[in-house]
PDB file of N, CA and C in Angstrom:
ATOM      1  N   UNK A   1     118.338   9.572 204.726  1.00  0.00           N
ATOM      2  CA  UNK A   1     117.697  10.471 205.309  1.00  0.00           C
ATOM      3  C   UNK A   1     118.557  11.747 204.919  1.00  0.00           C
ATOM      4  N   UNK A   2     118.212  12.767 204.553  1.00  0.00           N
ATOM      5  CA  UNK A   2     118.436  14.152 203.822  1.00  0.00           C
ATOM      6  C   UNK A   2     118.750  14.936 204.708  1.00  0.00           C
ATOM      7  N   UNK A   3     119.549  15.684 204.783  1.00  0.00           N
ATOM      8  CA  UNK A   3     120.120  16.868 205.445  1.00  0.00           C
ATOM      9  C   UNK A   3     120.397  18.005 205.219  1.00  0.00           C
ATOM     10  N   UNK A   4     120.188  19.216 205.603  1.00  0.00           N
ATOM     11  CA  UNK A   4     119.961  20.823 205.269  1.00  0.00           C
ATOM     12  C   UNK A   4     121.686  20.861 205.218  1.00  0.00           C
ATOM     13  N   UNK A   5     122.277  20.532 204.079  1.00  0.00           N
ATOM     14  CA  UNK A   5     124.138  21.556 203.997  1.00  0.00           C
ATOM     15  C   UNK A   5     123.949  22.914 204.678  1.00  0.00           C
ATOM     16  N   UNK A   6     124.819  23.215 204.884  1.00  0.00           N
ATOM     17  CA  UNK A   6     125.174  24.958 205.127  1.00  0.00           C
ATOM     18  C   UNK A   6     126.780  25.083 205.076  1.00  0.00           C
ATOM     19  N   UNK A   7     127.233  25.154 204.958  1.00  0.00           N
ATOM     20  CA  UNK A   7     128.824  26.030 204.539  1.00  0.00           C
ATOM     21  C   UNK A   7     129.511  26.276 205.840  1.00  0.00           C
ATOM     22  N   UNK A   8     130.229  26.055 206.464  1.00  0.00           N
ATOM     23  CA  UNK A   8     131.634  25.584 207.059  1.00  0.00           C
ATOM     24  C   UNK A   8     132.063  27.460 207.499  1.00  0.00           C
ATOM     25  N   UNK A   9     131.335  27.905 207.991  1.00  0.00           N
ATOM     26  CA  UNK A   9     131.759  29.698 208.245  1.00  0.00           C
ATOM     27  C   UNK A   9     132.979  29.501 209.812  1.00  0.00           C
ATOM     28  N   UNK A  10     134.552  29.916 209.601  1.00  0.00           N
ATOM     29  CA  UNK A  10     135.556  29.964 210.603  1.00  0.00           C
ATOM     30  C   UNK A  10     134.789  31.192 211.117  1.00  0.00           C
ATOM     31  N   UNK A  11     135.196  30.921 212.890  1.00  0.00           N
ATOM     32  CA  UNK A  11     134.740  32.097 213.865  1.00  0.00           C
ATOM     33  C   UNK A  11     135.690  32.756 213.265  1.00  0.00           C
ATOM     34  N   UNK A  12     135.388  34.069 213.607  1.00  0.00           N
ATOM     35  CA  UNK A  12     136.304  34.747 214.422  1.00  0.00           C
ATOM     36  C   UNK A  12     137.096  34.535 216.225  1.00  0.00           C
ATOM     37  N   UNK A  13     138.515  34.400 215.492  1.00  0.00           N
ATOM     38  CA  UNK A  13     139.257  34.275 217.456  1.00  0.00           C
ATOM     39  C   UNK A  13     139.282  35.594 217.643  1.00  0.00           C
ATOM     40  N   UNK A  14     139.109  36.374 218.624  1.00  0.00           N
ATOM     41  CA  UNK A  14     139.186  37.678 219.319  1.00  0.00           C
ATOM     42  C   UNK A  14     140.887  37.493 219.288  1.00  0.00           C
ATOM     43  N   UNK A  15     141.692  38.816 219.084  1.00  0.00           N
ATOM     44  CA  UNK A  15     143.550  38.493 219.099  1.00  0.00           C
ATOM     45  C   UNK A  15     143.487  38.803 220.032  1.00  0.00           C
ATOM     46  N   UNK A  16     145.036  38.162 220.952  1.00  0.00           N
ATOM     47  CA  UNK A  16     145.312  38.550 221.743  1.00  0.00           C
ATOM     48  C   UNK A  16     146.308  39.633 221.750  1.00  0.00           C
ATOM     49  N   UNK A  17     146.469  40.508 222.555  1.00  0.00           N
ATOM     50  CA  UNK A  17     147.482  41.613 222.733  1.00  0.00           C
ATOM     51  C   UNK A  17     149.186  41.618 222.408  1.00  0.00           C
ATOM     52  N   UNK A  18     149.684  41.608 221.710  1.00  0.00           N
ATOM     53  CA  UNK A  18     151.354  41.003 221.410  1.00  0.00           C
ATOM     54  C   UNK A  18     152.024  41.450 222.878  1.00  0.00           C
ATOM     55  N   UNK A  19     152.690  40.947 223.879  1.00  0.00           N
ATOM     56  CA  UNK A  19     152.816  40.695 225.423  1.00  0.00           C
ATOM     57  C   UNK A  19     154.232  41.949 224.731  1.00  0.00           C
ATOM     58  N   UNK A  20     154.495  42.963 225.247  1.00  0.00           N
ATOM     59  CA  UNK A  20     155.591  43.941 225.026  1.00  0.00           C
ATOM     60  C   UNK A  20     156.600  43.062 225.995  1.00  0.00           C
ATOM     61  N   UNK A  21     157.763  43.029 225.449  1.00  0.00           N
ATOM     62  CA  UNK A  21     158.676  42.158 225.823  1.00  0.00           C
ATOM     63  C   UNK A  21     160.329  43.452 226.245  1.00  0.00           C
ATOM     64  N   UNK A  22     160.488  43.490 227.786  1.00  0.00           N
ATOM     65  CA  UNK A  22     161.217  44.372 227.868  1.00  0.00           C
ATOM     66  C   UNK A  22     162.646  43.656 226.823  1.00  0.00           C
ATOM     67  N   UNK A  23     163.626  45.141 226.470  1.00  0.00           N
ATOM     68  CA  UNK A  23     164.764  44.795 225.731  1.00  0.00           C
ATOM     69  C   UNK A  23     165.708  43.641 226.093  1.00  0.00           C
ATOM     70  N   UNK A  24     166.089  42.902 224.671  1.00  0.00           N
ATOM     71  CA  UNK A  24     167.320  41.895 226.119  1.00  0.00           C
ATOM     72  C   UNK A  24     168.502  42.713 226.307  1.00  0.00           C
ATOM     73  N   UNK A  25     168.937  41.611 227.100  1.00  0.00           N
ATOM     74  CA  UNK A  25     170.118  42.359 227.797  1.00  0.00           C
ATOM     75  C   UNK A  25     171.518  41.072 227.257  1.00  0.00           C
ATOM     76  N   UNK A  26     171.978  42.337 226.285  1.00  0.00           N
ATOM     77  CA  UNK A  26     173.133  41.637 225.836  1.00  0.00           C
ATOM     78  C   UNK A  26     174.361  41.628 226.091  1.00  0.00           C
ATOM     79  N   UNK A  27     174.854  40.733 225.465  1.00  0.00           N
ATOM     80  CA  UNK A  27     176.553  40.937 225.789  1.00  0.00           C
ATOM     81  C   UNK A  27     177.215  42.194 224.889  1.00  0.00           C
ATOM     82  N   UNK A  28     177.513  42.747 225.396  1.00  0.00           N
ATOM     83  CA  UNK A  28     178.247  43.719 224.507  1.00  0.00           C
ATOM     84  C   UNK A  28     179.672  43.456 224.534  1.00  0.00           C
ATOM     85  N   UNK A  29     180.526  43.449 226.011  1.00  0.00           N
ATOM     86  CA  UNK A  29     182.053  43.701 226.336  1.00  0.00           C
ATOM     87  C   UNK A  29     182.406  42.301 227.053  1.00  0.00           C
ATOM     88  N   UNK A  30     183.267  41.176 226.967  1.00  0.00           N
ATOM     89  CA  UNK A  30     183.737  40.498 227.817  1.00  0.00           C
ATOM     90  C   UNK A  30     185.488  40.411 227.582  1.00  0.00           C
ATOM     91  N   UNK A  31     185.983  41.016 229.243  1.00  0.00           N
ATOM     92  CA  UNK A  31     187.377  41.108 229.135  1.00  0.00           C
ATOM     93  C   UNK A  31     188.112  40.343 229.501  1.00  0.00           C
ATOM     94  N   UNK A  32     189.302  40.092 229.831  1.00  0.00           N
ATOM     95  CA  UNK A  32     189.919  38.722 230.514  1.00  0.00           C
ATOM     96  C   UNK A  32     191.352  39.408 230.998  1.00  0.00           C
ATOM     97  N   UNK A  33     192.146  39.821 232.130  1.00  0.00           N
ATOM     98  CA  UNK A  33     192.825  40.616 231.647  1.00  0.00           C
ATOM     99  C   UNK A  33     193.284  39.776 233.463  1.00  0.00           C
ATOM    100  N   UNK A  34     194.473  39.179 233.067  1.00  0.00           N
ATOM    101  CA  UNK A  34     195.235  38.311 234.880  1.00  0.00           C
ATOM    102  C   UNK A  34     193.926  37.578 235.126  1.00  0.00           C
ATOM    103  N   UNK A  35     193.404  37.579 236.460  1.00  0.00           N
ATOM    104  CA  UNK A  35     193.029  36.528 236.958  1.00  0.00           C
ATOM    105  C   UNK A  35     190.869  37.377 237.272  1.00  0.00           C
ATOM    106  N   UNK A  36     191.147  37.699 236.236  1.00  0.00           N
ATOM    107  CA  UNK A  36     189.552  38.904 236.055  1.00  0.00           C
ATOM    108  C   UNK A  36     188.930  38.789 235.164  1.00  0.00           C
ATOM    109  N   UNK A  37     187.848  38.035 234.993  1.00  0.00           N
ATOM    110  CA  UNK A  37     186.914  38.552 233.597  1.00  0.00           C
ATOM    111  C   UNK A  37     185.919  38.767 234.639  1.00  0.00           C
ATOM    112  N   UNK A  38     185.971  39.794 233.236  1.00  0.00           N
ATOM    113  CA  UNK A  38     184.407  41.070 233.329  1.00  0.00           C
ATOM    114  C   UNK A  38     183.478  40.865 232.476  1.00  0.00           C
ATOM    115  N   UNK A  39     182.428  40.226 232.204  1.00  0.00           N
ATOM    116  CA  UNK A  39     180.784  40.392 231.176  1.00  0.00           C
ATOM    117  C   UNK A  39     180.370  41.713 231.922  1.00  0.00           C
ATOM    118  N   UNK A  40     180.035  42.935 231.096  1.00  0.00           N
ATOM    119  CA  UNK A  40     179.638  44.077 230.627  1.00  0.00           C
ATOM    120  C   UNK A  40     178.256  43.812 229.972  1.00  0.00           C
ATOM    121  N   UNK A  41     176.983  43.712 230.392  1.00  0.00           N
ATOM    122  CA  UNK A  41     175.849  43.483 229.206  1.00  0.00           C
ATOM    123  C   UNK A  41     175.060  44.848 228.621  1.00  0.00           C
ATOM    124  N   UNK A  42     174.237  44.716 228.277  1.00  0.00           N
ATOM    125  CA  UNK A  42     173.639  46.339 227.423  1.00  0.00           C
ATOM    126  C   UNK A  42     172.825  46.997 228.194  1.00  0.00           C
ATOM    127  N   UNK A  43     172.462  46.798 229.612  1.00  0.00           N
ATOM    128  CA  UNK A  43     171.702  46.557 230.144  1.00  0.00           C
ATOM    129  C   UNK A  43     171.979  47.672 231.473  1.00  0.00           C
ATOM    130  N   UNK A  44     173.082  47.434 231.665  1.00  0.00           N
ATOM    131  CA  UNK A  44     174.035  48.624 232.533  1.00  0.00           C
ATOM    132  C   UNK A  44     174.622  50.276 231.844  1.00  0.00           C
ATOM    133  N   UNK A  45     174.178  50.741 233.242  1.00  0.00           N
ATOM    134  CA  UNK A  45     174.023  52.296 232.563  1.00  0.00           C
ATOM    135  C   UNK A  45     175.260  52.581 232.191  1.00  0.00           C
ATOM    136  N   UNK A  46     175.341  53.610 231.331  1.00  0.00           N
ATOM    137  CA  UNK A  46     177.109  53.666 230.590  1.00  0.00           C
ATOM    138  C   UNK A  46     177.569  54.723 231.120  1.00  0.00           C
ATOM    139  N   UNK A  47     177.007  55.196 232.582  1.00  0.00           N
ATOM    140  CA  UNK A  47     178.422  56.409 233.006  1.00  0.00           C
ATOM    141  C   UNK A  47     178.632  54.784 234.546  1.00  0.00           C
ATOM    142  N   UNK A  48     177.969  54.106 234.733  1.00  0.00           N
ATOM    143  CA  UNK A  48     178.580  53.191 235.598  1.00  0.00           C
ATOM    144  C   UNK A  48     180.087  52.503 234.809  1.00  0.00           C
ATOM    145  N   UNK A  49     179.011  51.695 233.370  1.00  0.00           N
ATOM    146  CA  UNK A  49     179.977  51.016 232.529  1.00  0.00           C
ATOM    147  C   UNK A  49     181.522  51.790 231.861  1.00  0.00           C
ATOM    148  N   UNK A  50     181.404  53.108 231.849  1.00  0.00           N
ATOM    149  CA  UNK A  50     182.961  53.862 231.912  1.00  0.00           C
ATOM    150  C   UNK A  50     183.554  54.114 233.653  1.00  0.00           C
ATOM    151  N   UNK A  51     183.052  54.190 234.494  1.00  0.00           N
ATOM    152  CA  UNK A  51     183.624  53.733 235.795  1.00  0.00           C
ATOM    153  C   UNK A  51     184.158  52.474 235.871  1.00  0.00           C
ATOM    154  N   UNK A  52     183.794  51.785 235.324  1.00  0.00           N
ATOM    155  CA  UNK A  52     183.931  50.319 235.694  1.00  0.00           C
ATOM    156  C   UNK A  52     185.443  50.158 234.925  1.00  0.00           C
ATOM    157  N   UNK A  53     185.083  50.849 233.403  1.00  0.00           N
ATOM    158  CA  UNK A  53     186.349  50.211 231.924  1.00  0.00           C
ATOM    159  C   UNK A  53     187.841  51.214 232.446  1.00  0.00           C
ATOM    160  N   UNK A  54     187.367  51.506 233.192  1.00  0.00           N
ATOM    161  CA  UNK A  54     188.655  53.143 233.432  1.00  0.00           C
ATOM    162  C   UNK A  54     189.598  52.359 235.160  1.00  0.00           C
ATOM    163  N   UNK A  55     188.512  51.938 235.803  1.00  0.00           N
ATOM    164  CA  UNK A  55     189.087  51.401 236.891  1.00  0.00           C
ATOM    165  C   UNK A  55     189.811  49.940 236.009  1.00  0.00           C
ATOM    166  N   UNK A  56     189.060  49.318 235.353  1.00  0.00           N
ATOM    167  CA  UNK A  56     189.965  48.340 235.352  1.00  0.00           C
ATOM    168  C   UNK A  56     191.142  48.051 234.034  1.00  0.00           C
ATOM    169  N   UNK A  57     190.952  48.838 232.785  1.00  0.00           N
ATOM    170  CA  UNK A  57     191.890  49.106 232.079  1.00  0.00           C
ATOM    171  C   UNK A  57     193.602  49.945 232.356  1.00  0.00           C
ATOM    172  N   UNK A  58     193.372  50.449 233.529  1.00  0.00           N
ATOM    173  CA  UNK A  58     194.289  51.082 233.798  1.00  0.00           C
ATOM    174  C   UNK A  58     195.633  50.279 234.439  1.00  0.00           C
TER     175      UNK A  58
END
């Protein structure tokens, strides 16, 4: 039995929009002083970071 042969054509797949990720929360600074361990991450507000460091490092 002879069949008509047709070329195989790839279908266009709809493109999914890329998800926008929030920026990563990277570890910026890890301090250990006496019994205190402090890990500071990039998402922390710079003003708060400065206040914390001024209190801890004195």
